[in-house]
PDB file of N, CA and C in Angstrom:
ATOM      1  N   MET A   1     -10.348  54.965 -22.709  1.00  0.00           N
ATOM      2  CA  MET A   1      -9.499  54.779 -21.544  1.00  0.00           C
ATOM      3  C   MET A   1     -10.361  54.227 -20.415  1.00  0.00           C
ATOM      4  N   ALA A   2      -9.877  53.186 -19.749  1.00  0.00           N
ATOM      5  CA  ALA A   2     -10.605  52.569 -18.645  1.00  0.00           C
ATOM      6  C   ALA A   2     -10.165  53.207 -17.333  1.00  0.00           C
ATOM      7  N   THR A   3     -11.108  53.410 -16.432  1.00  0.00           N
ATOM      8  CA  THR A   3     -10.799  53.987 -15.123  1.00  0.00           C
ATOM      9  C   THR A   3     -11.418  53.132 -14.033  1.00  0.00           C
ATOM     10  N   ALA A   4     -10.892  53.274 -12.814  1.00  0.00           N
ATOM     11  CA  ALA A   4     -11.424  52.571 -11.653  1.00  0.00           C
ATOM     12  C   ALA A   4     -11.314  53.505 -10.458  1.00  0.00           C
ATOM     13  N   THR A   5     -12.141  53.278  -9.463  1.00  0.00           N
ATOM     14  CA  THR A   5     -12.142  54.091  -8.252  1.00  0.00           C
ATOM     15  C   THR A   5     -11.599  53.260  -7.093  1.00  0.00           C
ATOM     16  N   VAL A   6     -10.736  53.868  -6.302  1.00  0.00           N
ATOM     17  CA  VAL A   6     -10.173  53.192  -5.131  1.00  0.00           C
ATOM     18  C   VAL A   6     -11.162  53.324  -3.974  1.00  0.00           C
ATOM     19  N   THR A   7     -11.485  52.200  -3.320  1.00  0.00           N
ATOM     20  CA  THR A   7     -12.401  52.224  -2.183  1.00  0.00           C
ATOM     21  C   THR A   7     -11.656  52.656  -0.921  1.00  0.00           C
ATOM     22  N   SER A   8     -12.387  52.842   0.158  1.00  0.00           N
ATOM     23  CA  SER A   8     -11.773  53.226   1.430  1.00  0.00           C
ATOM     24  C   SER A   8     -10.834  52.143   1.954  1.00  0.00           C
ATOM     25  N   LYS A   9     -10.995  50.903   1.478  1.00  0.00           N
ATOM     26  CA  LYS A   9     -10.110  49.796   1.872  1.00  0.00           C
ATOM     27  C   LYS A   9      -8.917  49.661   0.929  1.00  0.00           C
ATOM     28  N   GLY A  10      -8.792  50.565  -0.055  1.00  0.00           N
ATOM     29  CA  GLY A  10      -7.683  50.501  -0.996  1.00  0.00           C
ATOM     30  C   GLY A  10      -7.893  49.508  -2.119  1.00  0.00           C
ATOM     31  N   GLN A  11      -9.108  49.084  -2.343  1.00  0.00           N
ATOM     32  CA  GLN A  11      -9.410  48.103  -3.380  1.00  0.00           C
ATOM     33  C   GLN A  11      -9.940  48.793  -4.631  1.00  0.00           C
ATOM     34  N   ILE A  12      -9.737  48.131  -5.777  1.00  0.00           N
ATOM     35  CA  ILE A  12     -10.307  48.606  -7.034  1.00  0.00           C
ATOM     36  C   ILE A  12     -10.917  47.420  -7.767  1.00  0.00           C
ATOM     37  N   THR A  13     -11.823  47.711  -8.665  1.00  0.00           N
ATOM     38  CA  THR A  13     -12.329  46.707  -9.587  1.00  0.00           C
ATOM     39  C   THR A  13     -11.689  46.999 -10.935  1.00  0.00           C
ATOM     40  N   ILE A  14     -10.978  46.014 -11.465  1.00  0.00           N
ATOM     41  CA  ILE A  14     -10.342  46.198 -12.770  1.00  0.00           C
ATOM     42  C   ILE A  14     -11.436  46.125 -13.827  1.00  0.00           C
ATOM     43  N   PRO A  15     -11.544  47.146 -14.668  1.00  0.00           N
ATOM     44  CA  PRO A  15     -12.606  47.145 -15.687  1.00  0.00           C
ATOM     45  C   PRO A  15     -12.545  45.909 -16.589  1.00  0.00           C
ATOM     46  N   ALA A  16     -13.710  45.485 -17.039  1.00  0.00           N
ATOM     47  CA  ALA A  16     -13.822  44.272 -17.854  1.00  0.00           C
ATOM     48  C   ALA A  16     -12.938  44.323 -19.096  1.00  0.00           C
ATOM     49  N   LYS A  17     -12.864  45.467 -19.767  1.00  0.00           N
ATOM     50  CA  LYS A  17     -12.017  45.577 -20.966  1.00  0.00           C
ATOM     51  C   LYS A  17     -10.560  45.285 -20.638  1.00  0.00           C
ATOM     52  N   VAL A  18     -10.104  45.767 -19.483  1.00  0.00           N
ATOM     53  CA  VAL A  18      -8.704  45.552 -19.068  1.00  0.00           C
ATOM     54  C   VAL A  18      -8.498  44.089 -18.696  1.00  0.00           C
ATOM     55  N   ARG A  19      -9.442  43.517 -17.936  1.00  0.00           N
ATOM     56  CA  ARG A  19      -9.334  42.095 -17.572  1.00  0.00           C
ATOM     57  C   ARG A  19      -9.282  41.222 -18.811  1.00  0.00           C
ATOM     58  N   ASP A  20     -10.125  41.524 -19.795  1.00  0.00           N
ATOM     59  CA  ASP A  20     -10.136  40.744 -21.034  1.00  0.00           C
ATOM     60  C   ASP A  20      -8.813  40.882 -21.778  1.00  0.00           C
ATOM     61  N   ALA A  21      -8.299  42.107 -21.865  1.00  0.00           N
ATOM     62  CA  ALA A  21      -7.043  42.345 -22.590  1.00  0.00           C
ATOM     63  C   ALA A  21      -5.870  41.638 -21.922  1.00  0.00           C
ATOM     64  N   LEU A  22      -5.901  41.547 -20.589  1.00  0.00           N
ATOM     65  CA  LEU A  22      -4.813  40.892 -19.859  1.00  0.00           C
ATOM     66  C   LEU A  22      -5.036  39.397 -19.679  1.00  0.00           C
ATOM     67  N   GLY A  23      -6.215  38.918 -20.063  1.00  0.00           N
ATOM     68  CA  GLY A  23      -6.518  37.491 -19.913  1.00  0.00           C
ATOM     69  C   GLY A  23      -6.717  37.093 -18.461  1.00  0.00           C
ATOM     70  N   LEU A  24      -7.262  37.997 -17.654  1.00  0.00           N
ATOM     71  CA  LEU A  24      -7.442  37.739 -16.231  1.00  0.00           C
ATOM     72  C   LEU A  24      -8.797  37.114 -15.955  1.00  0.00           C
ATOM     73  N   ASP A  25      -8.807  36.166 -15.030  1.00  0.00           N
ATOM     74  CA  ASP A  25     -10.037  35.548 -14.566  1.00  0.00           C
ATOM     75  C   ASP A  25     -10.135  35.746 -13.060  1.00  0.00           C
ATOM     76  N   SER A  26     -11.277  35.455 -12.515  1.00  0.00           N
ATOM     77  CA  SER A  26     -11.483  35.570 -11.077  1.00  0.00           C
ATOM     78  C   SER A  26     -10.447  34.741 -10.326  1.00  0.00           C
ATOM     79  N   GLY A  27      -9.820  35.335  -9.325  1.00  0.00           N
ATOM     80  CA  GLY A  27      -8.809  34.632  -8.530  1.00  0.00           C
ATOM     81  C   GLY A  27      -7.394  34.792  -9.042  1.00  0.00           C
ATOM     82  N   ASP A  28      -7.223  35.323 -10.263  1.00  0.00           N
ATOM     83  CA  ASP A  28      -5.873  35.537 -10.793  1.00  0.00           C
ATOM     84  C   ASP A  28      -5.178  36.645 -10.011  1.00  0.00           C
ATOM     85  N   ARG A  29      -3.867  36.601 -10.013  1.00  0.00           N
ATOM     86  CA  ARG A  29      -3.066  37.617  -9.330  1.00  0.00           C
ATOM     87  C   ARG A  29      -2.463  38.551 -10.364  1.00  0.00           C
ATOM     88  N   VAL A  30      -2.190  39.788  -9.946  1.00  0.00           N
ATOM     89  CA  VAL A  30      -1.518  40.757 -10.808  1.00  0.00           C
ATOM     90  C   VAL A  30      -0.350  41.354 -10.035  1.00  0.00           C
ATOM     91  N   GLU A  31       0.644  41.812 -10.768  1.00  0.00           N
ATOM     92  CA  GLU A  31       1.785  42.500 -10.182  1.00  0.00           C
ATOM     93  C   GLU A  31       1.754  43.941 -10.655  1.00  0.00           C
ATOM     94  N   PHE A  32       2.135  44.852  -9.769  1.00  0.00           N
ATOM     95  CA  PHE A  32       2.254  46.261 -10.109  1.00  0.00           C
ATOM     96  C   PHE A  32       3.742  46.549 -10.241  1.00  0.00           C
ATOM     97  N   VAL A  33       4.191  46.772 -11.472  1.00  0.00           N
ATOM     98  CA  VAL A  33       5.607  46.936 -11.771  1.00  0.00           C
ATOM     99  C   VAL A  33       5.896  48.408 -12.053  1.00  0.00           C
ATOM    100  N   PRO A  34       6.870  49.004 -11.316  1.00  0.00           N
ATOM    101  CA  PRO A  34       7.189  50.414 -11.567  1.00  0.00           C
ATOM    102  C   PRO A  34       7.770  50.608 -12.971  1.00  0.00           C
ATOM    103  N   THR A  35       7.392  51.702 -13.618  1.00  0.00           N
ATOM    104  CA  THR A  35       7.920  52.022 -14.944  1.00  0.00           C
ATOM    105  C   THR A  35       8.934  53.154 -14.822  1.00  0.00           C
ATOM    106  N   GLU A  36       9.727  53.342 -15.860  1.00  0.00           N
ATOM    107  CA  GLU A  36      10.733  54.406 -15.859  1.00  0.00           C
ATOM    108  C   GLU A  36      10.093  55.785 -15.788  1.00  0.00           C
ATOM    109  N   ALA A  37       8.869  55.903 -16.275  1.00  0.00           N
ATOM    110  CA  ALA A  37       8.175  57.194 -16.295  1.00  0.00           C
ATOM    111  C   ALA A  37       7.611  57.563 -14.919  1.00  0.00           C
ATOM    112  N   GLY A  38       7.762  56.674 -13.929  1.00  0.00           N
ATOM    113  CA  GLY A  38       7.284  56.961 -12.589  1.00  0.00           C
ATOM    114  C   GLY A  38       5.900  56.403 -12.293  1.00  0.00           C
ATOM    115  N   GLY A  39       5.303  55.727 -13.251  1.00  0.00           N
ATOM    116  CA  GLY A  39       4.001  55.104 -13.042  1.00  0.00           C
ATOM    117  C   GLY A  39       4.157  53.626 -12.726  1.00  0.00           C
ATOM    118  N   PHE A  40       3.071  52.894 -12.908  1.00  0.00           N
ATOM    119  CA  PHE A  40       3.087  51.454 -12.681  1.00  0.00           C
ATOM    120  C   PHE A  40       2.388  50.751 -13.837  1.00  0.00           C
ATOM    121  N   ALA A  41       2.870  49.563 -14.170  1.00  0.00           N
ATOM    122  CA  ALA A  41       2.221  48.708 -15.165  1.00  0.00           C
ATOM    123  C   ALA A  41       1.587  47.538 -14.418  1.00  0.00           C
ATOM    124  N   ILE A  42       0.421  47.122 -14.850  1.00  0.00           N
ATOM    125  CA  ILE A  42      -0.250  45.962 -14.256  1.00  0.00           C
ATOM    126  C   ILE A  42       0.093  44.752 -15.117  1.00  0.00           C
ATOM    127  N   ILE A  43       0.742  43.779 -14.507  1.00  0.00           N
ATOM    128  CA  ILE A  43       1.192  42.582 -15.220  1.00  0.00           C
ATOM    129  C   ILE A  43       0.470  41.363 -14.642  1.00  0.00           C
ATOM    130  N   PRO A  44      -0.149  40.534 -15.483  1.00  0.00           N
ATOM    131  CA  PRO A  44      -0.774  39.319 -14.962  1.00  0.00           C
ATOM    132  C   PRO A  44       0.279  38.404 -14.351  1.00  0.00           C
ATOM    133  N   ALA A  45      -0.018  37.867 -13.187  1.00  0.00           N
ATOM    134  CA  ALA A  45       0.886  36.925 -12.522  1.00  0.00           C
ATOM    135  C   ALA A  45       0.203  35.572 -12.437  1.00  0.00           C
ATOM    136  N   ASN A  46      -0.441  35.179 -13.516  1.00  0.00           N
ATOM    137  CA  ASN A  46      -1.232  33.946 -13.511  1.00  0.00           C
ATOM    138  C   ASN A  46      -0.573  32.827 -14.305  1.00  0.00           C
ATOM    139  N   LYS A  47       0.709  32.917 -14.495  1.00  0.00           N
ATOM    140  CA  LYS A  47       1.408  31.858 -15.227  1.00  0.00           C
ATOM    141  C   LYS A  47       1.597  30.646 -14.320  1.00  0.00           C
ATOM    142  N   SER A  48       1.594  29.487 -14.911  1.00  0.00           N
ATOM    143  CA  SER A  48       1.838  28.275 -14.137  1.00  0.00           C
ATOM    144  C   SER A  48       3.344  28.027 -14.065  1.00  0.00           C
ATOM    145  N   VAL A  49       3.712  27.131 -13.202  1.00  0.00           N
ATOM    146  CA  VAL A  49       5.124  26.776 -13.049  1.00  0.00           C
ATOM    147  C   VAL A  49       5.660  26.208 -14.360  1.00  0.00           C
ATOM    148  N   ARG A  50       4.842  25.535 -15.100  1.00  0.00           N
ATOM    149  CA  ARG A  50       5.267  24.960 -16.381  1.00  0.00           C
ATOM    150  C   ARG A  50       5.680  26.044 -17.386  1.00  0.00           C
ATOM    151  N   ASP A  51       5.086  27.231 -17.263  1.00  0.00           N
ATOM    152  CA  ASP A  51       5.444  28.327 -18.162  1.00  0.00           C
ATOM    153  C   ASP A  51       6.867  28.830 -17.911  1.00  0.00           C
ATOM    154  N   LEU A  52       7.430  28.506 -16.759  1.00  0.00           N
ATOM    155  CA  LEU A  52       8.771  28.966 -16.407  1.00  0.00           C
ATOM    156  C   LEU A  52       9.866  28.073 -17.003  1.00  0.00           C
ATOM    157  N   LYS A  53       9.462  26.936 -17.560  1.00  0.00           N
ATOM    158  CA  LYS A  53      10.433  25.993 -18.112  1.00  0.00           C
ATOM    159  C   LYS A  53      11.303  26.675 -19.158  1.00  0.00           C
ATOM    160  N   GLY A  54      12.614  26.467 -19.037  1.00  0.00           N
ATOM    161  CA  GLY A  54      13.565  27.008 -19.996  1.00  0.00           C
ATOM    162  C   GLY A  54      14.099  28.384 -19.641  1.00  0.00           C
ATOM    163  N   MET A  55      13.625  28.986 -18.550  1.00  0.00           N
ATOM    164  CA  MET A  55      14.103  30.312 -18.178  1.00  0.00           C
ATOM    165  C   MET A  55      15.512  30.275 -17.589  1.00  0.00           C
ATOM    166  N   LEU A  56      15.862  29.179 -16.946  1.00  0.00           N
ATOM    167  CA  LEU A  56      17.184  29.053 -16.336  1.00  0.00           C
ATOM    168  C   LEU A  56      18.100  28.230 -17.225  1.00  0.00           C
ATOM    169  N   ALA A  57      19.372  28.547 -17.146  1.00  0.00           N
ATOM    170  CA  ALA A  57      20.355  27.799 -17.932  1.00  0.00           C
ATOM    171  C   ALA A  57      20.452  26.366 -17.404  1.00  0.00           C
ATOM    172  N   LYS A  58      20.754  25.480 -18.297  1.00  0.00           N
ATOM    173  CA  LYS A  58      20.940  24.084 -17.900  1.00  0.00           C
ATOM    174  C   LYS A  58      22.212  23.977 -17.059  1.00  0.00           C
ATOM    175  N   PRO A  59      22.199  23.110 -16.047  1.00  0.00           N
ATOM    176  CA  PRO A  59      23.406  22.954 -15.233  1.00  0.00           C
ATOM    177  C   PRO A  59      24.556  22.408 -16.063  1.00  0.00           C
ATOM    178  N   GLY A  60      25.751  22.802 -15.696  1.00  0.00           N
ATOM    179  CA  GLY A  60      26.948  22.328 -16.391  1.00  0.00           C
ATOM    180  C   GLY A  60      27.244  20.881 -16.045  1.00  0.00           C
ATOM    181  N   LYS A  61      28.398  20.436 -16.485  1.00  0.00           N
ATOM    182  CA  LYS A  61      28.799  19.068 -16.204  1.00  0.00           C
ATOM    183  C   LYS A  61      29.043  18.912 -14.707  1.00  0.00           C
ATOM    184  N   PRO A  62      28.646  17.785 -14.135  1.00  0.00           N
ATOM    185  CA  PRO A  62      28.903  17.568 -12.718  1.00  0.00           C
ATOM    186  C   PRO A  62      30.407  17.446 -12.460  1.00  0.00           C
ATOM    187  N   VAL A  63      30.820  17.883 -11.284  1.00  0.00           N
ATOM    188  CA  VAL A  63      32.236  17.789 -10.915  1.00  0.00           C
ATOM    189  C   VAL A  63      32.367  16.873  -9.713  1.00  0.00           C
ATOM    190  N   SER A  64      33.543  16.303  -9.566  1.00  0.00           N
ATOM    191  CA  SER A  64      33.782  15.396  -8.452  1.00  0.00           C
ATOM    192  C   SER A  64      34.159  16.206  -7.199  1.00  0.00           C
ATOM    193  N   ILE A  65      34.128  15.535  -6.071  1.00  0.00           N
ATOM    194  CA  ILE A  65      34.535  16.162  -4.811  1.00  0.00           C
ATOM    195  C   ILE A  65      35.992  16.601  -4.905  1.00  0.00           C
ATOM    196  N   LYS A  66      36.833  15.792  -5.544  1.00  0.00           N
ATOM    197  CA  LYS A  66      38.246  16.145  -5.683  1.00  0.00           C
ATOM    198  C   LYS A  66      38.389  17.432  -6.495  1.00  0.00           C
ATOM    199  N   GLN A  67      37.626  17.543  -7.587  1.00  0.00           N
ATOM    200  CA  GLN A  67      37.688  18.759  -8.403  1.00  0.00           C
ATOM    201  C   GLN A  67      37.234  19.981  -7.596  1.00  0.00           C
ATOM    202  N   MET A  68      36.182  19.807  -6.782  1.00  0.00           N
ATOM    203  CA  MET A  68      35.724  20.915  -5.932  1.00  0.00           C
ATOM    204  C   MET A  68      36.798  21.309  -4.930  1.00  0.00           C
ATOM    205  N   ASN A  69      37.392  20.306  -4.279  1.00  0.00           N
ATOM    206  CA  ASN A  69      38.439  20.591  -3.288  1.00  0.00           C
ATOM    207  C   ASN A  69      39.638  21.275  -3.936  1.00  0.00           C
ATOM    208  N   ASP A  70      40.003  20.851  -5.131  1.00  0.00           N
ATOM    209  CA  ASP A  70      41.117  21.482  -5.843  1.00  0.00           C
ATOM    210  C   ASP A  70      40.805  22.940  -6.167  1.00  0.00           C
ATOM    211  N   ALA A  71      39.585  23.211  -6.605  1.00  0.00           N
ATOM    212  CA  ALA A  71      39.187  24.577  -6.931  1.00  0.00           C
ATOM    213  C   ALA A  71      39.197  25.452  -5.681  1.00  0.00           C
ATOM    214  N   ILE A  72      38.742  24.913  -4.562  1.00  0.00           N
ATOM    215  CA  ILE A  72      38.754  25.661  -3.309  1.00  0.00           C
ATOM    216  C   ILE A  72      40.185  25.947  -2.885  1.00  0.00           C
ATOM    217  N   ALA A  73      41.048  24.947  -3.000  1.00  0.00           N
ATOM    218  CA  ALA A  73      42.456  25.138  -2.617  1.00  0.00           C
ATOM    219  C   ALA A  73      43.097  26.203  -3.487  1.00  0.00           C
ATOM    220  N   ARG A  74      42.828  26.190  -4.790  1.00  0.00           N
ATOM    221  CA  ARG A  74      43.389  27.220  -5.674  1.00  0.00           C
ATOM    222  C   ARG A  74      42.871  28.606  -5.295  1.00  0.00           C
ATOM    223  N   GLY A  75      41.617  28.684  -4.934  1.00  0.00           N
ATOM    224  CA  GLY A  75      41.038  29.957  -4.520  1.00  0.00           C
ATOM    225  C   GLY A  75      41.695  30.497  -3.265  1.00  0.00           C
ATOM    226  N   TRP A  76      41.913  29.620  -2.294  1.00  0.00           N
ATOM    227  CA  TRP A  76      42.557  30.057  -1.054  1.00  0.00           C
ATOM    228  C   TRP A  76      44.009  30.387  -1.288  1.00  0.00           C
ATOM    229  N   ALA A  77      44.654  29.670  -2.172  1.00  0.00           N
ATOM    230  CA  ALA A  77      46.074  29.927  -2.452  1.00  0.00           C
ATOM    231  C   ALA A  77      46.243  31.315  -3.049  1.00  0.00           C
ATOM    232  N   GLY A  78      45.293  31.781  -3.817  1.00  0.00           N
ATOM    233  CA  GLY A  78      45.367  33.107  -4.438  1.00  0.00           C
ATOM    234  C   GLY A  78      45.163  34.232  -3.436  1.00  0.00           C
ATOM    235  N   ARG A  79      44.639  33.930  -2.239  1.00  0.00           N
ATOM    236  CA  ARG A  79      44.371  34.963  -1.232  1.00  0.00           C
ATOM    237  C   ARG A  79      45.582  35.233  -0.341  1.00  0.00           C
ATOM    238  N   LYS A  80      46.544  34.359  -0.333  1.00  0.00           N
ATOM    239  CA  LYS A  80      47.688  34.512   0.586  1.00  0.00           C
ATOM    240  C   LYS A  80      48.694  35.491   0.065  1.00  0.00           C
TER     241      LYS A  80
END
């Protein structure tokens, strides 16, 4: 089990074994994510923007201004 000591400034040094296991290098960022058990997990936040590709759904078919206006009118008509 790896341990670290918190300094008076609230800083810690992540042990080398943990850095290696997480693939962390100097300058990388980490996130502290709360767990259901009441603790925290350390998650590397060193992914590039390219790694995010495909996370969002592709946009649907484009609609015309007339279609948008019709949808808005139908929405307002349902409120009266």
